[in-house]
Amino acid sequence: MTKQALIIGASGLVGSHLTDQLVDSPHFKQIVTLARRPLSHTSAKVQNAVVDFDRLEDSAPLFQADVFFSCLGTTRRQAGSLEAQRRVDVEYQLRAAKLAAQAGVRHYLLVSSSGANPDSRSAYLKMKGELEQEVMKLPFERISILRPSLLLGERDHLRVGEKLGSWILPAVCALPGLRRYRPIAGRQVARKMVELSVSEGSGLQIFTLDEVFPH
């Protein structure tokens, strides 16, 4: 049986790789991407819908799908403030997850972060943890949460901290006890998401870095 996929964050590092890999998968007949601006793709399997994330409920009919991939994310610098970052990293994603659950989507997959914790002192990890905590309450038949570390790959904008980390962390994380913090390529996270989306399963699954990137 071929499936229909829905993606938010398709223009990002993981989301763009995910879209390409779903196009190549014979298990998916259609991929719908929700974005704030038009996105183009060479495949006829991909349909882009421009939506207003502040009025996402107006786009509720678009949430008819078998699998929902949540890859949305930003940084405080990109967003302009911590409040604006929270709007993207928590509010928009939770709003979308609720609409997907209401539409009867069976499988929800989320790109979170290593160290996600609603009680964390880090604002970023706290937001990731709060989002995880809330989506776990939703009535999806299956929830898959991936917690990668620093994501590597080409982006359409420069993240200075991540660029520096991509140079330094591989060497640092070769030290004993630090391998679980090593960086991972965005395409590898996307590949794991595709594998999960075509496999059997139910309930809550949380995948740490070693389970996403075992070597």
N, C-alpha and C. Protein backbone atom coordinates (compact mmCIF):
# COMPACT_ATOMS: atom_id res chain seq x y z
N MET A 1 0.84 -1.19 0.00
CA MET A 1 0.00 0.00 0.00
C MET A 1 0.88 1.25 0.00
N THR A 2 0.60 2.16 -0.89
CA THR A 2 1.36 3.41 -0.92
C THR A 2 0.71 4.43 0.00
N LYS A 3 1.55 5.30 0.55
CA LYS A 3 1.09 6.23 1.58
C LYS A 3 1.19 7.68 1.11
N GLN A 4 0.52 8.53 1.88
CA GLN A 4 0.63 9.96 1.67
C GLN A 4 1.35 10.56 2.87
N ALA A 5 2.36 11.38 2.59
CA ALA A 5 3.17 12.00 3.64
C ALA A 5 2.88 13.49 3.72
N LEU A 6 2.98 14.01 4.91
CA LEU A 6 2.85 15.44 5.16
C LEU A 6 4.09 15.89 5.91
N ILE A 7 4.70 17.00 5.47
CA ILE A 7 5.95 17.47 6.08
C ILE A 7 5.84 18.95 6.42
N ILE A 8 6.27 19.32 7.64
CA ILE A 8 6.55 20.73 7.93
C ILE A 8 8.05 20.82 8.17
N GLY A 9 8.65 21.89 7.68
CA GLY A 9 10.10 22.04 7.77
C GLY A 9 10.81 21.42 6.58
N ALA A 10 10.13 21.32 5.44
CA ALA A 10 10.71 20.68 4.26
C ALA A 10 11.84 21.49 3.64
N SER A 11 11.93 22.77 3.97
CA SER A 11 13.01 23.59 3.40
C SER A 11 14.29 23.51 4.22
N GLY A 12 14.22 22.89 5.39
CA GLY A 12 15.38 22.79 6.27
C GLY A 12 16.31 21.65 5.89
N LEU A 13 17.34 21.47 6.68
CA LEU A 13 18.38 20.49 6.38
C LEU A 13 17.81 19.07 6.34
N VAL A 14 17.17 18.63 7.42
CA VAL A 14 16.61 17.28 7.45
C VAL A 14 15.40 17.19 6.52
N GLY A 15 14.54 18.19 6.56
CA GLY A 15 13.32 18.16 5.75
C GLY A 15 13.56 18.08 4.26
N SER A 16 14.59 18.76 3.76
CA SER A 16 14.87 18.72 2.33
C SER A 16 15.38 17.35 1.92
N HIS A 17 16.25 16.75 2.74
CA HIS A 17 16.71 15.39 2.46
C HIS A 17 15.55 14.40 2.55
N LEU A 18 14.71 14.60 3.54
CA LEU A 18 13.56 13.72 3.73
C LEU A 18 12.65 13.75 2.50
N THR A 19 12.36 14.93 2.01
CA THR A 19 11.50 15.06 0.83
C THR A 19 12.07 14.28 -0.35
N ASP A 20 13.35 14.46 -0.60
CA ASP A 20 14.00 13.75 -1.71
C ASP A 20 13.94 12.24 -1.53
N GLN A 21 14.17 11.78 -0.31
CA GLN A 21 14.18 10.34 -0.06
C GLN A 21 12.78 9.74 -0.14
N LEU A 22 11.77 10.50 0.27
CA LEU A 22 10.39 10.01 0.13
C LEU A 22 9.98 9.93 -1.33
N VAL A 23 10.46 10.86 -2.12
CA VAL A 23 10.20 10.82 -3.57
C VAL A 23 10.73 9.53 -4.17
N ASP A 24 11.91 9.12 -3.72
CA ASP A 24 12.54 7.90 -4.24
C ASP A 24 11.93 6.62 -3.67
N SER A 25 11.12 6.76 -2.63
CA SER A 25 10.54 5.57 -2.00
C SER A 25 9.28 5.12 -2.74
N PRO A 26 9.20 3.84 -3.09
CA PRO A 26 7.99 3.33 -3.75
C PRO A 26 6.81 3.22 -2.79
N HIS A 27 7.06 3.42 -1.50
CA HIS A 27 6.01 3.30 -0.49
C HIS A 27 5.14 4.55 -0.39
N PHE A 28 5.58 5.64 -1.03
CA PHE A 28 4.84 6.90 -0.94
C PHE A 28 4.38 7.37 -2.32
N LYS A 29 3.10 7.70 -2.40
CA LYS A 29 2.52 8.15 -3.67
C LYS A 29 2.45 9.67 -3.75
N GLN A 30 2.39 10.33 -2.59
CA GLN A 30 2.29 11.79 -2.57
C GLN A 30 2.97 12.35 -1.33
N ILE A 31 3.67 13.47 -1.50
CA ILE A 31 4.32 14.18 -0.39
C ILE A 31 3.82 15.61 -0.42
N VAL A 32 3.14 16.03 0.63
CA VAL A 32 2.64 17.39 0.74
C VAL A 32 3.52 18.15 1.73
N THR A 33 4.05 19.27 1.31
CA THR A 33 4.89 20.10 2.18
C THR A 33 4.14 21.37 2.53
N LEU A 34 4.13 21.70 3.81
CA LEU A 34 3.50 22.93 4.28
C LEU A 34 4.60 23.92 4.62
N ALA A 35 4.53 25.10 4.04
CA ALA A 35 5.60 26.08 4.23
C ALA A 35 5.04 27.50 4.18
N ARG A 36 5.82 28.43 4.70
CA ARG A 36 5.39 29.83 4.69
C ARG A 36 5.64 30.50 3.34
N ARG A 37 6.46 29.88 2.54
CA ARG A 37 6.76 30.42 1.21
C ARG A 37 6.74 29.28 0.20
N PRO A 38 6.56 29.60 -1.08
CA PRO A 38 6.50 28.54 -2.09
C PRO A 38 7.81 27.74 -2.15
N LEU A 39 7.69 26.43 -2.24
CA LEU A 39 8.84 25.55 -2.41
C LEU A 39 8.62 24.78 -3.71
N SER A 40 9.66 24.61 -4.45
CA SER A 40 9.54 23.88 -5.71
C SER A 40 10.31 22.57 -5.63
N HIS A 41 9.84 21.59 -6.36
CA HIS A 41 10.51 20.31 -6.44
C HIS A 41 10.29 19.74 -7.83
N THR A 42 11.28 18.99 -8.30
CA THR A 42 11.19 18.46 -9.66
C THR A 42 10.22 17.31 -9.79
N SER A 43 9.87 16.67 -8.67
CA SER A 43 8.98 15.52 -8.73
C SER A 43 7.52 15.92 -8.67
N ALA A 44 6.71 15.26 -9.49
CA ALA A 44 5.26 15.50 -9.47
C ALA A 44 4.62 14.91 -8.22
N LYS A 45 5.36 14.08 -7.49
CA LYS A 45 4.83 13.50 -6.25
C LYS A 45 4.75 14.54 -5.14
N VAL A 46 5.50 15.63 -5.29
CA VAL A 46 5.56 16.65 -4.24
C VAL A 46 4.62 17.81 -4.55
N GLN A 47 3.77 18.11 -3.58
CA GLN A 47 2.86 19.25 -3.69
C GLN A 47 3.11 20.19 -2.52
N ASN A 48 3.37 21.44 -2.83
CA ASN A 48 3.65 22.42 -1.78
C ASN A 48 2.42 23.28 -1.52
N ALA A 49 2.11 23.46 -0.26
CA ALA A 49 1.01 24.33 0.14
C ALA A 49 1.57 25.45 1.00
N VAL A 50 1.32 26.69 0.62
CA VAL A 50 1.77 27.84 1.39
C VAL A 50 0.72 28.11 2.47
N VAL A 51 1.15 28.12 3.72
CA VAL A 51 0.22 28.29 4.84
C VAL A 51 0.71 29.40 5.78
N ASP A 52 -0.23 29.90 6.56
CA ASP A 52 0.08 30.87 7.61
C ASP A 52 0.10 30.09 8.92
N PHE A 53 1.27 29.91 9.50
CA PHE A 53 1.38 29.10 10.72
C PHE A 53 0.68 29.75 11.91
N ASP A 54 0.41 31.05 11.83
CA ASP A 54 -0.35 31.70 12.89
C ASP A 54 -1.84 31.44 12.75
N ARG A 55 -2.25 30.97 11.57
CA ARG A 55 -3.65 30.63 11.31
C ARG A 55 -3.72 29.23 10.71
N LEU A 56 -2.97 28.33 11.30
CA LEU A 56 -2.82 27.00 10.73
C LEU A 56 -4.13 26.22 10.69
N GLU A 57 -5.03 26.54 11.61
CA GLU A 57 -6.33 25.86 11.63
C GLU A 57 -7.11 26.09 10.33
N ASP A 58 -6.84 27.19 9.64
CA ASP A 58 -7.51 27.44 8.37
C ASP A 58 -7.09 26.42 7.31
N SER A 59 -5.95 25.76 7.53
CA SER A 59 -5.42 24.78 6.58
C SER A 59 -5.66 23.35 7.04
N ALA A 60 -6.60 23.15 7.96
CA ALA A 60 -6.88 21.83 8.52
C ALA A 60 -7.13 20.74 7.47
N PRO A 61 -7.82 21.04 6.35
CA PRO A 61 -8.06 20.00 5.34
C PRO A 61 -6.78 19.41 4.73
N LEU A 62 -5.69 20.15 4.83
CA LEU A 62 -4.43 19.66 4.26
C LEU A 62 -3.79 18.56 5.09
N PHE A 63 -4.29 18.33 6.29
CA PHE A 63 -3.66 17.39 7.21
C PHE A 63 -4.15 15.95 7.04
N GLN A 64 -4.81 15.67 5.94
CA GLN A 64 -5.22 14.30 5.64
C GLN A 64 -4.00 13.56 5.09
N ALA A 65 -3.43 12.67 5.88
CA ALA A 65 -2.23 11.95 5.48
C ALA A 65 -2.10 10.67 6.30
N ASP A 66 -1.19 9.82 5.88
CA ASP A 66 -0.91 8.60 6.63
C ASP A 66 0.21 8.82 7.64
N VAL A 67 1.19 9.65 7.23
CA VAL A 67 2.38 9.89 8.06
C VAL A 67 2.65 11.39 8.09
N PHE A 68 2.95 11.91 9.29
CA PHE A 68 3.26 13.33 9.44
C PHE A 68 4.68 13.47 9.97
N PHE A 69 5.53 14.18 9.23
CA PHE A 69 6.91 14.41 9.61
C PHE A 69 7.07 15.85 10.07
N SER A 70 7.53 16.05 11.31
CA SER A 70 7.74 17.39 11.85
C SER A 70 9.22 17.68 11.93
N CYS A 71 9.71 18.49 11.00
CA CYS A 71 11.15 18.80 10.92
C CYS A 71 11.39 20.29 11.10
N LEU A 72 10.41 21.01 11.56
CA LEU A 72 10.50 22.46 11.68
C LEU A 72 11.45 22.84 12.81
N GLY A 73 12.16 23.93 12.63
CA GLY A 73 13.06 24.39 13.68
C GLY A 73 13.78 25.65 13.27
N THR A 74 14.22 26.43 14.25
CA THR A 74 14.95 27.65 13.97
C THR A 74 15.93 27.91 15.11
N THR A 75 16.61 29.02 15.06
CA THR A 75 17.52 29.44 16.13
C THR A 75 17.06 30.80 16.65
N ARG A 76 17.55 31.17 17.83
CA ARG A 76 17.18 32.48 18.37
C ARG A 76 17.65 33.59 17.44
N ARG A 77 18.82 33.40 16.86
CA ARG A 77 19.36 34.43 15.95
C ARG A 77 18.49 34.57 14.71
N GLN A 78 18.09 33.45 14.12
CA GLN A 78 17.23 33.51 12.94
C GLN A 78 15.87 34.12 13.26
N ALA A 79 15.30 33.68 14.39
CA ALA A 79 13.96 34.12 14.75
C ALA A 79 13.93 35.58 15.23
N GLY A 80 15.04 36.03 15.82
CA GLY A 80 15.11 37.40 16.29
C GLY A 80 14.95 37.57 17.79
N SER A 81 14.38 36.58 18.45
CA SER A 81 14.21 36.63 19.90
C SER A 81 13.89 35.23 20.40
N LEU A 82 14.03 35.03 21.70
CA LEU A 82 13.70 33.74 22.29
C LEU A 82 12.20 33.46 22.14
N GLU A 83 11.39 34.49 22.30
CA GLU A 83 9.94 34.34 22.16
C GLU A 83 9.57 33.90 20.75
N ALA A 84 10.20 34.52 19.75
CA ALA A 84 9.92 34.15 18.37
C ALA A 84 10.40 32.74 18.06
N GLN A 85 11.54 32.35 18.63
CA GLN A 85 12.04 30.99 18.45
C GLN A 85 11.06 29.98 19.05
N ARG A 86 10.53 30.29 20.21
CA ARG A 86 9.59 29.40 20.87
C ARG A 86 8.31 29.23 20.02
N ARG A 87 7.92 30.31 19.37
CA ARG A 87 6.73 30.25 18.52
C ARG A 87 6.89 29.20 17.43
N VAL A 88 8.10 29.14 16.85
CA VAL A 88 8.37 28.16 15.79
C VAL A 88 8.63 26.78 16.35
N ASP A 89 9.51 26.70 17.35
CA ASP A 89 9.97 25.40 17.84
C ASP A 89 8.96 24.66 18.72
N VAL A 90 8.02 25.40 19.30
CA VAL A 90 7.03 24.75 20.15
C VAL A 90 5.61 24.98 19.64
N GLU A 91 5.19 26.23 19.56
CA GLU A 91 3.79 26.53 19.26
C GLU A 91 3.36 26.06 17.88
N TYR A 92 4.13 26.38 16.85
CA TYR A 92 3.75 25.97 15.50
C TYR A 92 3.74 24.45 15.37
N GLN A 93 4.75 23.83 15.91
CA GLN A 93 4.85 22.37 15.78
C GLN A 93 3.73 21.67 16.55
N LEU A 94 3.42 22.17 17.73
CA LEU A 94 2.35 21.55 18.51
C LEU A 94 1.00 21.77 17.85
N ARG A 95 0.80 22.96 17.31
CA ARG A 95 -0.45 23.25 16.60
C ARG A 95 -0.61 22.30 15.42
N ALA A 96 0.46 22.08 14.68
CA ALA A 96 0.41 21.18 13.53
C ALA A 96 0.16 19.74 13.97
N ALA A 97 0.81 19.33 15.06
CA ALA A 97 0.63 17.97 15.56
C ALA A 97 -0.81 17.72 15.98
N LYS A 98 -1.42 18.71 16.62
CA LYS A 98 -2.82 18.56 17.04
C LYS A 98 -3.74 18.43 15.84
N LEU A 99 -3.49 19.21 14.80
CA LEU A 99 -4.32 19.12 13.59
C LEU A 99 -4.14 17.76 12.91
N ALA A 100 -2.92 17.26 12.92
CA ALA A 100 -2.66 15.94 12.32
C ALA A 100 -3.38 14.85 13.11
N ALA A 101 -3.34 14.95 14.43
CA ALA A 101 -4.02 13.96 15.26
C ALA A 101 -5.53 14.01 15.04
N GLN A 102 -6.08 15.21 14.95
CA GLN A 102 -7.51 15.37 14.72
C GLN A 102 -7.93 14.83 13.35
N ALA A 103 -7.01 14.90 12.39
CA ALA A 103 -7.30 14.41 11.04
C ALA A 103 -7.17 12.90 10.92
N GLY A 104 -6.71 12.26 12.01
CA GLY A 104 -6.59 10.81 11.99
C GLY A 104 -5.28 10.28 11.45
N VAL A 105 -4.25 11.12 11.39
CA VAL A 105 -2.93 10.65 10.96
C VAL A 105 -2.46 9.56 11.92
N ARG A 106 -2.00 8.45 11.39
CA ARG A 106 -1.62 7.31 12.23
C ARG A 106 -0.23 7.49 12.87
N HIS A 107 0.75 7.93 12.08
CA HIS A 107 2.15 7.92 12.52
C HIS A 107 2.72 9.33 12.50
N TYR A 108 3.23 9.78 13.65
CA TYR A 108 3.83 11.09 13.80
C TYR A 108 5.32 10.92 14.09
N LEU A 109 6.16 11.61 13.32
CA LEU A 109 7.61 11.55 13.50
C LEU A 109 8.15 12.95 13.75
N LEU A 110 8.96 13.09 14.79
CA LEU A 110 9.48 14.39 15.20
C LEU A 110 11.00 14.39 15.27
N VAL A 111 11.62 15.42 14.69
CA VAL A 111 13.05 15.64 14.87
C VAL A 111 13.20 16.53 16.10
N SER A 112 13.71 15.97 17.18
CA SER A 112 13.91 16.71 18.42
C SER A 112 15.41 16.97 18.58
N SER A 113 15.95 16.75 19.75
CA SER A 113 17.37 17.00 19.98
C SER A 113 17.89 16.16 21.13
N SER A 114 19.13 15.75 21.01
CA SER A 114 19.81 15.08 22.11
C SER A 114 19.80 16.01 23.32
N GLY A 115 19.41 15.50 24.47
CA GLY A 115 19.37 16.32 25.67
C GLY A 115 18.05 17.04 25.89
N ALA A 116 17.06 16.79 25.03
CA ALA A 116 15.75 17.45 25.20
C ALA A 116 15.20 17.14 26.58
N ASN A 117 14.78 18.20 27.28
CA ASN A 117 14.32 18.02 28.66
C ASN A 117 13.51 19.24 29.06
N PRO A 118 12.24 19.07 29.44
CA PRO A 118 11.42 20.23 29.81
C PRO A 118 11.94 20.96 31.04
N ASP A 119 12.83 20.34 31.80
CA ASP A 119 13.40 20.98 32.99
C ASP A 119 14.82 21.48 32.78
N SER A 120 15.28 21.46 31.53
CA SER A 120 16.65 21.87 31.24
C SER A 120 16.87 23.35 31.49
N ARG A 121 18.09 23.72 31.86
CA ARG A 121 18.45 25.13 32.01
C ARG A 121 18.70 25.78 30.66
N SER A 122 18.94 24.95 29.63
CA SER A 122 19.11 25.46 28.28
C SER A 122 17.74 25.78 27.69
N ALA A 123 17.55 26.99 27.22
CA ALA A 123 16.26 27.38 26.65
C ALA A 123 15.91 26.49 25.45
N TYR A 124 16.91 26.17 24.64
CA TYR A 124 16.68 25.34 23.45
C TYR A 124 16.24 23.93 23.84
N LEU A 125 16.98 23.30 24.75
CA LEU A 125 16.65 21.94 25.14
C LEU A 125 15.35 21.89 25.94
N LYS A 126 15.05 22.95 26.65
CA LYS A 126 13.80 23.04 27.39
C LYS A 126 12.62 23.08 26.41
N MET A 127 12.75 23.87 25.34
CA MET A 127 11.69 23.94 24.33
C MET A 127 11.48 22.58 23.67
N LYS A 128 12.57 21.92 23.33
CA LYS A 128 12.47 20.60 22.70
C LYS A 128 11.78 19.61 23.64
N GLY A 129 12.15 19.67 24.92
CA GLY A 129 11.56 18.77 25.89
C GLY A 129 10.08 19.04 26.10
N GLU A 130 9.71 20.31 26.14
CA GLU A 130 8.30 20.68 26.31
C GLU A 130 7.46 20.21 25.12
N LEU A 131 8.00 20.35 23.92
CA LEU A 131 7.27 19.89 22.74
C LEU A 131 7.08 18.38 22.79
N GLU A 132 8.14 17.65 23.10
CA GLU A 132 8.03 16.19 23.22
C GLU A 132 6.94 15.82 24.22
N GLN A 133 6.97 16.47 25.36
CA GLN A 133 6.02 16.16 26.44
C GLN A 133 4.59 16.35 25.99
N GLU A 134 4.34 17.40 25.21
CA GLU A 134 2.98 17.70 24.77
C GLU A 134 2.51 16.75 23.66
N VAL A 135 3.39 16.45 22.72
CA VAL A 135 2.94 15.59 21.61
C VAL A 135 2.72 14.15 22.07
N MET A 136 3.39 13.76 23.15
CA MET A 136 3.18 12.42 23.69
C MET A 136 1.75 12.23 24.19
N LYS A 137 1.08 13.33 24.47
CA LYS A 137 -0.30 13.26 24.98
C LYS A 137 -1.32 13.10 23.85
N LEU A 138 -0.90 13.29 22.62
CA LEU A 138 -1.84 13.27 21.50
C LEU A 138 -2.16 11.84 21.08
N PRO A 139 -3.36 11.63 20.54
CA PRO A 139 -3.83 10.26 20.26
C PRO A 139 -3.35 9.66 18.94
N PHE A 140 -2.07 9.78 18.67
CA PHE A 140 -1.52 9.11 17.50
C PHE A 140 -1.38 7.62 17.82
N GLU A 141 -1.56 6.78 16.81
CA GLU A 141 -1.35 5.35 17.01
C GLU A 141 0.13 5.06 17.23
N ARG A 142 0.98 5.87 16.61
CA ARG A 142 2.42 5.66 16.72
C ARG A 142 3.14 7.01 16.72
N ILE A 143 4.07 7.18 17.65
CA ILE A 143 4.88 8.39 17.74
C ILE A 143 6.34 7.98 17.74
N SER A 144 7.11 8.54 16.82
CA SER A 144 8.56 8.28 16.74
C SER A 144 9.30 9.60 16.93
N ILE A 145 10.10 9.69 17.98
CA ILE A 145 10.86 10.90 18.27
C ILE A 145 12.34 10.60 18.10
N LEU A 146 13.01 11.39 17.26
CA LEU A 146 14.44 11.21 17.02
C LEU A 146 15.19 12.33 17.71
N ARG A 147 16.24 11.95 18.43
CA ARG A 147 17.03 12.92 19.18
C ARG A 147 18.48 12.95 18.69
N PRO A 148 18.73 13.57 17.54
CA PRO A 148 20.11 13.68 17.05
C PRO A 148 20.86 14.76 17.80
N SER A 149 22.17 14.77 17.63
CA SER A 149 23.01 15.83 18.17
C SER A 149 23.13 16.91 17.10
N LEU A 150 24.28 17.58 17.02
CA LEU A 150 24.50 18.62 16.02
C LEU A 150 24.31 18.04 14.62
N LEU A 151 23.52 18.73 13.80
CA LEU A 151 23.24 18.26 12.45
C LEU A 151 24.22 18.87 11.46
N LEU A 152 24.79 18.01 10.62
CA LEU A 152 25.75 18.46 9.62
C LEU A 152 25.12 18.43 8.23
N GLY A 153 25.53 19.38 7.39
CA GLY A 153 25.04 19.42 6.02
C GLY A 153 24.96 20.84 5.52
N GLU A 154 24.73 20.98 4.22
CA GLU A 154 24.64 22.30 3.61
C GLU A 154 23.28 22.91 3.90
N ARG A 155 23.26 24.15 4.36
CA ARG A 155 22.02 24.87 4.62
C ARG A 155 21.94 26.07 3.68
N ASP A 156 20.72 26.63 3.57
CA ASP A 156 20.56 27.81 2.73
C ASP A 156 20.88 29.09 3.50
N HIS A 157 21.36 28.96 4.75
CA HIS A 157 21.79 30.10 5.54
C HIS A 157 22.88 29.61 6.49
N LEU A 158 23.71 30.53 6.94
CA LEU A 158 24.85 30.18 7.78
C LEU A 158 24.46 30.24 9.25
N ARG A 159 24.76 29.15 9.97
CA ARG A 159 24.62 29.13 11.42
C ARG A 159 26.04 29.03 11.96
N VAL A 160 26.57 30.15 12.44
CA VAL A 160 27.98 30.23 12.82
C VAL A 160 28.33 29.21 13.89
N GLY A 161 27.50 29.11 14.94
CA GLY A 161 27.79 28.17 16.02
C GLY A 161 27.85 26.74 15.53
N GLU A 162 26.92 26.38 14.65
CA GLU A 162 26.90 25.02 14.13
C GLU A 162 28.09 24.77 13.21
N LYS A 163 28.50 25.80 12.48
CA LYS A 163 29.66 25.64 11.60
C LYS A 163 30.92 25.38 12.42
N LEU A 164 31.09 26.13 13.50
CA LEU A 164 32.24 25.92 14.36
C LEU A 164 32.17 24.54 15.01
N GLY A 165 30.98 24.16 15.44
CA GLY A 165 30.81 22.87 16.06
C GLY A 165 31.12 21.73 15.11
N SER A 166 30.79 21.89 13.83
CA SER A 166 31.05 20.84 12.86
C SER A 166 32.54 20.63 12.64
N TRP A 167 33.36 21.65 12.95
CA TRP A 167 34.81 21.51 12.83
C TRP A 167 35.41 20.90 14.10
N ILE A 168 34.89 21.30 15.25
CA ILE A 168 35.50 20.94 16.53
C ILE A 168 34.97 19.63 17.11
N LEU A 169 33.63 19.45 17.07
CA LEU A 169 33.03 18.31 17.74
C LEU A 169 33.50 16.94 17.27
N PRO A 170 33.70 16.70 15.96
CA PRO A 170 34.13 15.36 15.57
C PRO A 170 35.41 14.91 16.28
N ALA A 171 36.35 15.84 16.48
CA ALA A 171 37.59 15.49 17.16
C ALA A 171 37.36 15.30 18.65
N VAL A 172 36.61 16.22 19.26
CA VAL A 172 36.34 16.13 20.69
C VAL A 172 35.57 14.86 21.02
N CYS A 173 34.58 14.52 20.18
CA CYS A 173 33.72 13.38 20.47
C CYS A 173 34.37 12.04 20.18
N ALA A 174 35.61 12.06 19.71
CA ALA A 174 36.35 10.81 19.55
C ALA A 174 36.90 10.34 20.89
N LEU A 175 36.85 11.24 21.89
CA LEU A 175 37.34 10.89 23.22
C LEU A 175 36.36 9.93 23.90
N PRO A 176 36.87 9.03 24.74
CA PRO A 176 35.99 8.07 25.44
C PRO A 176 34.89 8.77 26.22
N GLY A 177 33.68 8.26 26.10
CA GLY A 177 32.55 8.79 26.83
C GLY A 177 31.82 9.94 26.17
N LEU A 178 32.38 10.47 25.07
CA LEU A 178 31.77 11.62 24.41
C LEU A 178 31.18 11.29 23.04
N ARG A 179 31.25 10.02 22.63
CA ARG A 179 30.76 9.66 21.30
C ARG A 179 29.27 9.93 21.14
N ARG A 180 28.52 9.88 22.23
CA ARG A 180 27.07 10.08 22.10
C ARG A 180 26.72 11.52 21.76
N TYR A 181 27.70 12.43 21.80
CA TYR A 181 27.44 13.82 21.44
C TYR A 181 27.94 14.17 20.03
N ARG A 182 28.43 13.15 19.29
CA ARG A 182 29.03 13.44 18.00
C ARG A 182 27.99 13.93 16.99
N PRO A 183 28.41 14.72 16.02
CA PRO A 183 27.49 15.25 15.01
C PRO A 183 26.97 14.13 14.10
N ILE A 184 25.88 14.41 13.42
CA ILE A 184 25.29 13.47 12.48
C ILE A 184 24.80 14.24 11.25
N ALA A 185 24.94 13.65 10.09
CA ALA A 185 24.50 14.30 8.86
C ALA A 185 22.97 14.33 8.79
N GLY A 186 22.44 15.44 8.32
CA GLY A 186 21.00 15.58 8.20
C GLY A 186 20.38 14.49 7.34
N ARG A 187 21.08 14.06 6.30
CA ARG A 187 20.54 13.03 5.41
C ARG A 187 20.39 11.69 6.14
N GLN A 188 21.25 11.44 7.15
CA GLN A 188 21.15 10.19 7.91
C GLN A 188 19.92 10.19 8.82
N VAL A 189 19.61 11.34 9.39
CA VAL A 189 18.40 11.45 10.20
C VAL A 189 17.18 11.25 9.31
N ALA A 190 17.20 11.86 8.13
CA ALA A 190 16.10 11.70 7.18
C ALA A 190 15.93 10.24 6.78
N ARG A 191 17.05 9.56 6.56
CA ARG A 191 16.99 8.14 6.16
C ARG A 191 16.34 7.30 7.25
N LYS A 192 16.68 7.60 8.51
CA LYS A 192 16.07 6.86 9.62
C LYS A 192 14.57 7.12 9.68
N MET A 193 14.17 8.36 9.41
CA MET A 193 12.75 8.68 9.43
C MET A 193 11.99 7.91 8.35
N VAL A 194 12.58 7.81 7.18
CA VAL A 194 11.94 7.06 6.09
C VAL A 194 11.83 5.59 6.48
N GLU A 195 12.90 5.03 7.03
CA GLU A 195 12.89 3.62 7.45
C GLU A 195 11.78 3.37 8.46
N LEU A 196 11.64 4.27 9.42
CA LEU A 196 10.60 4.11 10.43
C LEU A 196 9.21 4.22 9.82
N SER A 197 9.05 5.12 8.88
CA SER A 197 7.73 5.37 8.30
C SER A 197 7.20 4.21 7.48
N VAL A 198 8.08 3.33 7.03
CA VAL A 198 7.62 2.19 6.23
C VAL A 198 7.71 0.88 7.01
N SER A 199 8.06 0.98 8.30
CA SER A 199 8.15 -0.22 9.14
C SER A 199 6.88 -0.36 9.99
N GLU A 200 6.70 -1.51 10.56
CA GLU A 200 5.56 -1.73 11.44
C GLU A 200 5.89 -1.27 12.86
N GLY A 201 4.88 -0.86 13.58
CA GLY A 201 5.11 -0.44 14.95
C GLY A 201 3.92 0.30 15.50
N SER A 202 3.92 0.52 16.81
CA SER A 202 2.86 1.27 17.45
C SER A 202 3.39 1.82 18.76
N GLY A 203 2.65 2.74 19.35
CA GLY A 203 3.05 3.33 20.62
C GLY A 203 4.16 4.35 20.46
N LEU A 204 4.82 4.67 21.58
CA LEU A 204 5.87 5.68 21.61
C LEU A 204 7.24 5.06 21.42
N GLN A 205 8.03 5.66 20.52
CA GLN A 205 9.42 5.24 20.30
C GLN A 205 10.30 6.48 20.37
N ILE A 206 11.37 6.41 21.16
CA ILE A 206 12.34 7.51 21.23
C ILE A 206 13.69 6.96 20.81
N PHE A 207 14.29 7.59 19.81
CA PHE A 207 15.56 7.13 19.26
C PHE A 207 16.67 8.11 19.61
N THR A 208 17.64 7.63 20.38
CA THR A 208 18.79 8.46 20.74
C THR A 208 19.81 8.43 19.59
N LEU A 209 20.84 9.21 19.74
CA LEU A 209 21.83 9.34 18.67
C LEU A 209 22.42 8.00 18.24
N ASP A 210 22.76 7.15 19.20
CA ASP A 210 23.38 5.87 18.86
C ASP A 210 22.43 4.97 18.09
N GLU A 211 21.12 5.15 18.26
CA GLU A 211 20.15 4.35 17.54
C GLU A 211 19.89 4.90 16.14
N VAL A 212 20.13 6.19 15.95
CA VAL A 212 19.96 6.80 14.64
C VAL A 212 21.23 6.63 13.80
N PHE A 213 22.38 6.77 14.49
CA PHE A 213 23.68 6.77 13.83
C PHE A 213 24.58 5.83 14.61
N PRO A 214 24.46 4.51 14.40
CA PRO A 214 25.09 3.52 15.26
C PRO A 214 26.59 3.39 15.14
N HIS A 215 27.21 3.94 14.10
CA HIS A 215 28.65 3.68 13.89
C HIS A 215 29.48 4.94 14.13
